[in-house]
Amino acid sequence: ADFFEITRTQFAIIFLANALVVSLELVNTAVERTVDLASTEWTDNGRAAKDTAAGAVLVSAIFAVLTGIMIMWQPKAFSALYVYFKEHILYFVLFLLSLVVALFLYLKVFRKLEKNLPTERIRRKK
């Protein structure tokens, strides 16, 4: 409320756009794992199923980004944030550090999950 002016409806739209991305990512994961369990060999149908599910995630992610830009593009808010962080440099540094930690944790978890996929276990056995 201090920086951005967002109505409840706009907030709900942003929330739904993000929920759509996460939901389709879950569906994509389910499709990929189902295809991996169904066959250990690469097939055109399996590839098409995986590509289609990944495409749905991509389309929803683009939609979410564009929705966020349309709602959050408020130059006055950006100016207010700049002034705030300029006056509170420690908060800015902590914010940047939190981004670095979040990225590190995300990459660590992603790599761990990737190693446990059935296709990765099959590749390592060969």
N, C-alpha and C. Protein backbone atom coordinates (compact mmCIF):
# COMPACT_ATOMS: atom_id res chain seq x y z
N ALA A 1 0.82 -1.20 0.00
CA ALA A 1 0.00 0.00 0.00
C ALA A 1 0.86 1.25 0.00
N ASP A 2 2.10 1.14 0.49
CA ASP A 2 2.96 2.31 0.54
C ASP A 2 3.52 2.68 -0.83
N PHE A 3 3.67 1.71 -1.71
CA PHE A 3 4.30 1.99 -2.99
C PHE A 3 3.34 1.80 -4.17
N PHE A 4 2.71 0.64 -4.25
CA PHE A 4 1.85 0.33 -5.39
C PHE A 4 0.38 0.47 -5.01
N GLU A 5 -0.39 0.97 -5.94
CA GLU A 5 -1.84 1.05 -5.75
C GLU A 5 -2.47 -0.10 -6.54
N ILE A 6 -2.91 -1.12 -5.79
CA ILE A 6 -3.48 -2.31 -6.41
C ILE A 6 -4.83 -2.59 -5.75
N THR A 7 -5.85 -2.74 -6.58
CA THR A 7 -7.18 -3.05 -6.05
C THR A 7 -7.24 -4.53 -5.68
N ARG A 8 -8.28 -4.87 -4.96
CA ARG A 8 -8.47 -6.28 -4.60
C ARG A 8 -8.66 -7.14 -5.84
N THR A 9 -9.36 -6.59 -6.82
CA THR A 9 -9.58 -7.32 -8.07
C THR A 9 -8.26 -7.56 -8.79
N GLN A 10 -7.43 -6.53 -8.87
CA GLN A 10 -6.13 -6.69 -9.51
C GLN A 10 -5.26 -7.70 -8.77
N PHE A 11 -5.30 -7.64 -7.45
CA PHE A 11 -4.55 -8.61 -6.66
C PHE A 11 -5.04 -10.03 -6.94
N ALA A 12 -6.35 -10.20 -7.02
CA ALA A 12 -6.93 -11.51 -7.31
C ALA A 12 -6.49 -12.00 -8.69
N ILE A 13 -6.44 -11.10 -9.66
CA ILE A 13 -6.01 -11.47 -11.01
C ILE A 13 -4.55 -11.93 -10.99
N ILE A 14 -3.70 -11.19 -10.29
CA ILE A 14 -2.28 -11.59 -10.18
C ILE A 14 -2.17 -12.95 -9.48
N PHE A 15 -2.92 -13.13 -8.41
CA PHE A 15 -2.91 -14.39 -7.68
C PHE A 15 -3.35 -15.54 -8.59
N LEU A 16 -4.44 -15.35 -9.34
CA LEU A 16 -4.93 -16.40 -10.23
C LEU A 16 -3.95 -16.70 -11.36
N ALA A 17 -3.31 -15.67 -11.90
CA ALA A 17 -2.32 -15.89 -12.96
C ALA A 17 -1.16 -16.74 -12.43
N ASN A 18 -0.71 -16.44 -11.23
CA ASN A 18 0.37 -17.23 -10.63
C ASN A 18 -0.09 -18.65 -10.30
N ALA A 19 -1.30 -18.77 -9.81
CA ALA A 19 -1.84 -20.10 -9.51
C ALA A 19 -1.96 -20.94 -10.78
N LEU A 20 -2.30 -20.30 -11.88
CA LEU A 20 -2.40 -21.00 -13.16
C LEU A 20 -1.03 -21.56 -13.57
N VAL A 21 0.01 -20.77 -13.41
CA VAL A 21 1.36 -21.23 -13.76
C VAL A 21 1.76 -22.42 -12.89
N VAL A 22 1.55 -22.31 -11.59
CA VAL A 22 1.92 -23.39 -10.68
C VAL A 22 1.10 -24.65 -10.98
N SER A 23 -0.18 -24.48 -11.23
CA SER A 23 -1.04 -25.63 -11.54
C SER A 23 -0.59 -26.34 -12.80
N LEU A 24 -0.31 -25.57 -13.84
CA LEU A 24 0.14 -26.19 -15.09
C LEU A 24 1.53 -26.80 -14.95
N GLU A 25 2.34 -26.24 -14.09
CA GLU A 25 3.66 -26.85 -13.83
C GLU A 25 3.48 -28.21 -13.16
N LEU A 26 2.51 -28.31 -12.25
CA LEU A 26 2.22 -29.60 -11.62
C LEU A 26 1.71 -30.61 -12.64
N VAL A 27 0.84 -30.16 -13.54
CA VAL A 27 0.34 -31.04 -14.60
C VAL A 27 1.50 -31.47 -15.50
N ASN A 28 2.37 -30.53 -15.84
CA ASN A 28 3.53 -30.84 -16.67
C ASN A 28 4.41 -31.91 -16.01
N THR A 29 4.64 -31.76 -14.72
CA THR A 29 5.44 -32.74 -13.99
C THR A 29 4.77 -34.11 -14.01
N ALA A 30 3.46 -34.12 -13.82
CA ALA A 30 2.72 -35.39 -13.85
C ALA A 30 2.81 -36.04 -15.22
N VAL A 31 2.66 -35.25 -16.28
CA VAL A 31 2.75 -35.79 -17.64
C VAL A 31 4.15 -36.35 -17.89
N GLU A 32 5.17 -35.59 -17.53
CA GLU A 32 6.54 -36.04 -17.76
C GLU A 32 6.85 -37.33 -17.00
N ARG A 33 6.44 -37.40 -15.76
CA ARG A 33 6.72 -38.61 -14.98
C ARG A 33 5.91 -39.81 -15.48
N THR A 34 4.68 -39.56 -15.91
CA THR A 34 3.86 -40.64 -16.46
C THR A 34 4.49 -41.19 -17.73
N VAL A 35 4.94 -40.30 -18.60
CA VAL A 35 5.60 -40.74 -19.83
C VAL A 35 6.87 -41.51 -19.50
N ASP A 36 7.65 -41.02 -18.53
CA ASP A 36 8.88 -41.71 -18.14
C ASP A 36 8.59 -43.11 -17.57
N LEU A 37 7.51 -43.23 -16.83
CA LEU A 37 7.16 -44.54 -16.27
C LEU A 37 6.62 -45.50 -17.33
N ALA A 38 5.93 -44.94 -18.33
CA ALA A 38 5.31 -45.77 -19.36
C ALA A 38 6.36 -46.41 -20.28
N SER A 39 7.45 -45.70 -20.50
CA SER A 39 8.45 -46.23 -21.42
C SER A 39 9.82 -45.67 -21.05
N THR A 40 10.82 -46.55 -21.11
CA THR A 40 12.18 -46.09 -20.85
C THR A 40 12.85 -45.59 -22.13
N GLU A 41 12.19 -45.80 -23.27
CA GLU A 41 12.74 -45.35 -24.55
C GLU A 41 12.05 -44.07 -24.98
N TRP A 42 12.77 -43.28 -25.75
CA TRP A 42 12.20 -42.04 -26.28
C TRP A 42 11.29 -42.37 -27.45
N THR A 43 10.06 -41.85 -27.42
CA THR A 43 9.12 -42.05 -28.52
C THR A 43 8.58 -40.70 -28.96
N ASP A 44 8.08 -40.66 -30.19
CA ASP A 44 7.50 -39.41 -30.70
C ASP A 44 6.28 -38.99 -29.90
N ASN A 45 5.44 -39.96 -29.52
CA ASN A 45 4.25 -39.62 -28.73
C ASN A 45 4.63 -39.11 -27.34
N GLY A 46 5.61 -39.72 -26.73
CA GLY A 46 6.06 -39.25 -25.42
C GLY A 46 6.64 -37.85 -25.51
N ARG A 47 7.43 -37.62 -26.54
CA ARG A 47 8.01 -36.29 -26.73
C ARG A 47 6.92 -35.26 -26.97
N ALA A 48 5.91 -35.62 -27.78
CA ALA A 48 4.81 -34.69 -28.06
C ALA A 48 4.03 -34.38 -26.78
N ALA A 49 3.79 -35.39 -25.96
CA ALA A 49 3.06 -35.16 -24.70
C ALA A 49 3.84 -34.22 -23.79
N LYS A 50 5.14 -34.46 -23.66
CA LYS A 50 5.98 -33.61 -22.81
C LYS A 50 6.06 -32.19 -23.37
N ASP A 51 6.24 -32.07 -24.68
CA ASP A 51 6.34 -30.74 -25.29
C ASP A 51 5.05 -29.95 -25.16
N THR A 52 3.92 -30.64 -25.30
CA THR A 52 2.63 -29.96 -25.18
C THR A 52 2.40 -29.46 -23.76
N ALA A 53 2.71 -30.30 -22.79
CA ALA A 53 2.55 -29.88 -21.39
C ALA A 53 3.50 -28.73 -21.05
N ALA A 54 4.73 -28.80 -21.54
CA ALA A 54 5.68 -27.71 -21.31
C ALA A 54 5.22 -26.43 -22.01
N GLY A 55 4.63 -26.58 -23.19
CA GLY A 55 4.11 -25.41 -23.91
C GLY A 55 2.99 -24.73 -23.14
N ALA A 56 2.15 -25.52 -22.49
CA ALA A 56 1.07 -24.93 -21.68
C ALA A 56 1.65 -24.12 -20.52
N VAL A 57 2.71 -24.62 -19.92
CA VAL A 57 3.37 -23.88 -18.83
C VAL A 57 3.95 -22.58 -19.38
N LEU A 58 4.60 -22.65 -20.53
CA LEU A 58 5.20 -21.46 -21.13
C LEU A 58 4.14 -20.40 -21.43
N VAL A 59 3.04 -20.80 -22.04
CA VAL A 59 1.97 -19.85 -22.36
C VAL A 59 1.42 -19.21 -21.09
N SER A 60 1.20 -20.02 -20.06
CA SER A 60 0.67 -19.47 -18.80
C SER A 60 1.68 -18.54 -18.13
N ALA A 61 2.96 -18.86 -18.23
CA ALA A 61 3.99 -18.00 -17.64
C ALA A 61 4.06 -16.66 -18.36
N ILE A 62 3.97 -16.69 -19.68
CA ILE A 62 3.96 -15.43 -20.45
C ILE A 62 2.73 -14.61 -20.07
N PHE A 63 1.59 -15.27 -19.94
CA PHE A 63 0.36 -14.59 -19.53
C PHE A 63 0.54 -13.94 -18.16
N ALA A 64 1.14 -14.68 -17.22
CA ALA A 64 1.33 -14.16 -15.86
C ALA A 64 2.27 -12.95 -15.86
N VAL A 65 3.34 -13.03 -16.64
CA VAL A 65 4.28 -11.90 -16.71
C VAL A 65 3.60 -10.67 -17.31
N LEU A 66 2.89 -10.86 -18.40
CA LEU A 66 2.20 -9.72 -19.03
C LEU A 66 1.13 -9.14 -18.11
N THR A 67 0.41 -10.00 -17.42
CA THR A 67 -0.59 -9.53 -16.46
C THR A 67 0.07 -8.72 -15.35
N GLY A 68 1.16 -9.23 -14.82
CA GLY A 68 1.89 -8.51 -13.78
C GLY A 68 2.39 -7.16 -14.25
N ILE A 69 2.93 -7.12 -15.46
CA ILE A 69 3.42 -5.84 -16.00
C ILE A 69 2.27 -4.85 -16.16
N MET A 70 1.15 -5.32 -16.70
CA MET A 70 0.02 -4.42 -16.92
C MET A 70 -0.49 -3.83 -15.60
N ILE A 71 -0.51 -4.63 -14.56
CA ILE A 71 -1.04 -4.16 -13.28
C ILE A 71 0.01 -3.40 -12.47
N MET A 72 1.24 -3.88 -12.49
CA MET A 72 2.27 -3.32 -11.62
C MET A 72 3.06 -2.17 -12.25
N TRP A 73 2.85 -1.88 -13.52
CA TRP A 73 3.61 -0.80 -14.15
C TRP A 73 3.08 0.54 -13.65
N GLN A 74 3.72 1.03 -12.60
CA GLN A 74 3.33 2.28 -11.96
C GLN A 74 4.60 3.09 -11.69
N PRO A 75 4.97 3.97 -12.63
CA PRO A 75 6.21 4.74 -12.48
C PRO A 75 6.33 5.49 -11.14
N LYS A 76 5.23 5.98 -10.61
CA LYS A 76 5.29 6.66 -9.31
C LYS A 76 5.75 5.71 -8.21
N ALA A 77 5.30 4.48 -8.28
CA ALA A 77 5.70 3.48 -7.28
C ALA A 77 7.19 3.16 -7.41
N PHE A 78 7.67 3.06 -8.64
CA PHE A 78 9.10 2.81 -8.85
C PHE A 78 9.94 3.94 -8.27
N SER A 79 9.49 5.16 -8.48
CA SER A 79 10.20 6.32 -7.93
C SER A 79 10.21 6.27 -6.40
N ALA A 80 9.07 5.93 -5.82
CA ALA A 80 8.97 5.85 -4.36
C ALA A 80 9.88 4.74 -3.82
N LEU A 81 9.94 3.61 -4.52
CA LEU A 81 10.83 2.53 -4.10
C LEU A 81 12.29 2.95 -4.18
N TYR A 82 12.64 3.66 -5.24
CA TYR A 82 14.01 4.14 -5.39
C TYR A 82 14.40 5.05 -4.23
N VAL A 83 13.52 5.99 -3.93
CA VAL A 83 13.80 6.92 -2.82
C VAL A 83 13.91 6.16 -1.50
N TYR A 84 13.00 5.21 -1.28
CA TYR A 84 13.01 4.44 -0.04
C TYR A 84 14.32 3.67 0.13
N PHE A 85 14.70 2.93 -0.91
CA PHE A 85 15.92 2.13 -0.81
C PHE A 85 17.17 3.00 -0.78
N LYS A 86 17.10 4.16 -1.40
CA LYS A 86 18.23 5.09 -1.34
C LYS A 86 18.44 5.59 0.09
N GLU A 87 17.34 5.78 0.79
CA GLU A 87 17.40 6.25 2.18
C GLU A 87 17.66 5.10 3.17
N HIS A 88 17.36 3.88 2.77
CA HIS A 88 17.53 2.70 3.64
C HIS A 88 18.40 1.68 2.90
N ILE A 89 19.65 1.99 2.73
CA ILE A 89 20.55 1.14 1.95
C ILE A 89 20.70 -0.26 2.54
N LEU A 90 20.65 -0.38 3.86
CA LEU A 90 20.76 -1.69 4.48
C LEU A 90 19.61 -2.60 4.04
N TYR A 91 18.40 -2.07 3.96
CA TYR A 91 17.26 -2.86 3.49
C TYR A 91 17.46 -3.32 2.05
N PHE A 92 18.05 -2.45 1.25
CA PHE A 92 18.32 -2.81 -0.15
C PHE A 92 19.34 -3.94 -0.22
N VAL A 93 20.39 -3.86 0.57
CA VAL A 93 21.41 -4.91 0.60
C VAL A 93 20.79 -6.22 1.09
N LEU A 94 19.98 -6.16 2.12
CA LEU A 94 19.31 -7.36 2.63
C LEU A 94 18.37 -7.96 1.58
N PHE A 95 17.69 -7.10 0.85
CA PHE A 95 16.82 -7.56 -0.23
C PHE A 95 17.63 -8.30 -1.29
N LEU A 96 18.74 -7.72 -1.71
CA LEU A 96 19.60 -8.37 -2.71
C LEU A 96 20.15 -9.70 -2.19
N LEU A 97 20.56 -9.73 -0.94
CA LEU A 97 21.06 -10.97 -0.34
C LEU A 97 19.97 -12.04 -0.30
N SER A 98 18.74 -11.63 0.00
CA SER A 98 17.65 -12.60 0.03
C SER A 98 17.39 -13.18 -1.36
N LEU A 99 17.56 -12.37 -2.40
CA LEU A 99 17.42 -12.87 -3.77
C LEU A 99 18.50 -13.89 -4.09
N VAL A 100 19.72 -13.62 -3.68
CA VAL A 100 20.83 -14.54 -3.93
C VAL A 100 20.59 -15.86 -3.19
N VAL A 101 20.18 -15.79 -1.94
CA VAL A 101 19.91 -17.01 -1.16
C VAL A 101 18.75 -17.79 -1.79
N ALA A 102 17.70 -17.10 -2.19
CA ALA A 102 16.55 -17.77 -2.81
C ALA A 102 16.97 -18.46 -4.11
N LEU A 103 17.77 -17.80 -4.92
CA LEU A 103 18.25 -18.40 -6.16
C LEU A 103 19.11 -19.62 -5.88
N PHE A 104 20.00 -19.52 -4.91
CA PHE A 104 20.85 -20.65 -4.54
C PHE A 104 20.01 -21.84 -4.09
N LEU A 105 19.05 -21.61 -3.20
CA LEU A 105 18.20 -22.69 -2.71
C LEU A 105 17.38 -23.30 -3.83
N TYR A 106 16.85 -22.46 -4.70
CA TYR A 106 16.07 -22.95 -5.83
C TYR A 106 16.91 -23.87 -6.71
N LEU A 107 18.10 -23.42 -7.06
CA LEU A 107 18.96 -24.22 -7.92
C LEU A 107 19.38 -25.52 -7.24
N LYS A 108 19.65 -25.47 -5.96
CA LYS A 108 20.04 -26.67 -5.21
C LYS A 108 18.89 -27.68 -5.18
N VAL A 109 17.70 -27.23 -4.88
CA VAL A 109 16.53 -28.11 -4.84
C VAL A 109 16.22 -28.65 -6.23
N PHE A 110 16.30 -27.79 -7.25
CA PHE A 110 15.99 -28.22 -8.61
C PHE A 110 16.95 -29.32 -9.06
N ARG A 111 18.22 -29.16 -8.78
CA ARG A 111 19.20 -30.18 -9.17
C ARG A 111 18.95 -31.49 -8.43
N LYS A 112 18.58 -31.40 -7.16
CA LYS A 112 18.31 -32.60 -6.39
C LYS A 112 17.09 -33.33 -6.95
N LEU A 113 16.04 -32.59 -7.28
CA LEU A 113 14.84 -33.21 -7.85
C LEU A 113 15.14 -33.81 -9.21
N GLU A 114 15.94 -33.12 -10.02
CA GLU A 114 16.26 -33.60 -11.35
C GLU A 114 17.00 -34.94 -11.29
N LYS A 115 17.88 -35.12 -10.31
CA LYS A 115 18.64 -36.35 -10.17
C LYS A 115 17.75 -37.53 -9.80
N ASN A 116 16.58 -37.27 -9.23
CA ASN A 116 15.69 -38.35 -8.80
C ASN A 116 14.64 -38.72 -9.84
N LEU A 117 14.66 -38.07 -11.01
CA LEU A 117 13.70 -38.44 -12.05
C LEU A 117 14.05 -39.81 -12.61
N PRO A 118 13.04 -40.60 -13.01
CA PRO A 118 13.32 -41.94 -13.54
C PRO A 118 14.27 -41.92 -14.74
N THR A 119 14.14 -40.94 -15.63
CA THR A 119 15.01 -40.91 -16.81
C THR A 119 16.45 -40.67 -16.41
N GLU A 120 16.69 -39.88 -15.38
CA GLU A 120 18.06 -39.64 -14.92
C GLU A 120 18.65 -40.91 -14.30
N ARG A 121 17.83 -41.66 -13.55
CA ARG A 121 18.33 -42.90 -12.96
C ARG A 121 18.66 -43.91 -14.05
N ILE A 122 17.85 -43.95 -15.10
CA ILE A 122 18.10 -44.87 -16.22
C ILE A 122 19.39 -44.49 -16.93
N ARG A 123 19.59 -43.20 -17.17
CA ARG A 123 20.80 -42.75 -17.86
C ARG A 123 22.05 -43.08 -17.05
N ARG A 124 21.98 -42.95 -15.72
CA ARG A 124 23.15 -43.22 -14.89
C ARG A 124 23.50 -44.70 -14.86
N LYS A 125 22.50 -45.58 -15.05
CA LYS A 125 22.75 -47.03 -15.03
C LYS A 125 23.49 -47.48 -16.28
N LYS A 126 23.32 -46.76 -17.38
CA LYS A 126 23.92 -47.18 -18.65
C LYS A 126 25.40 -46.96 -18.67
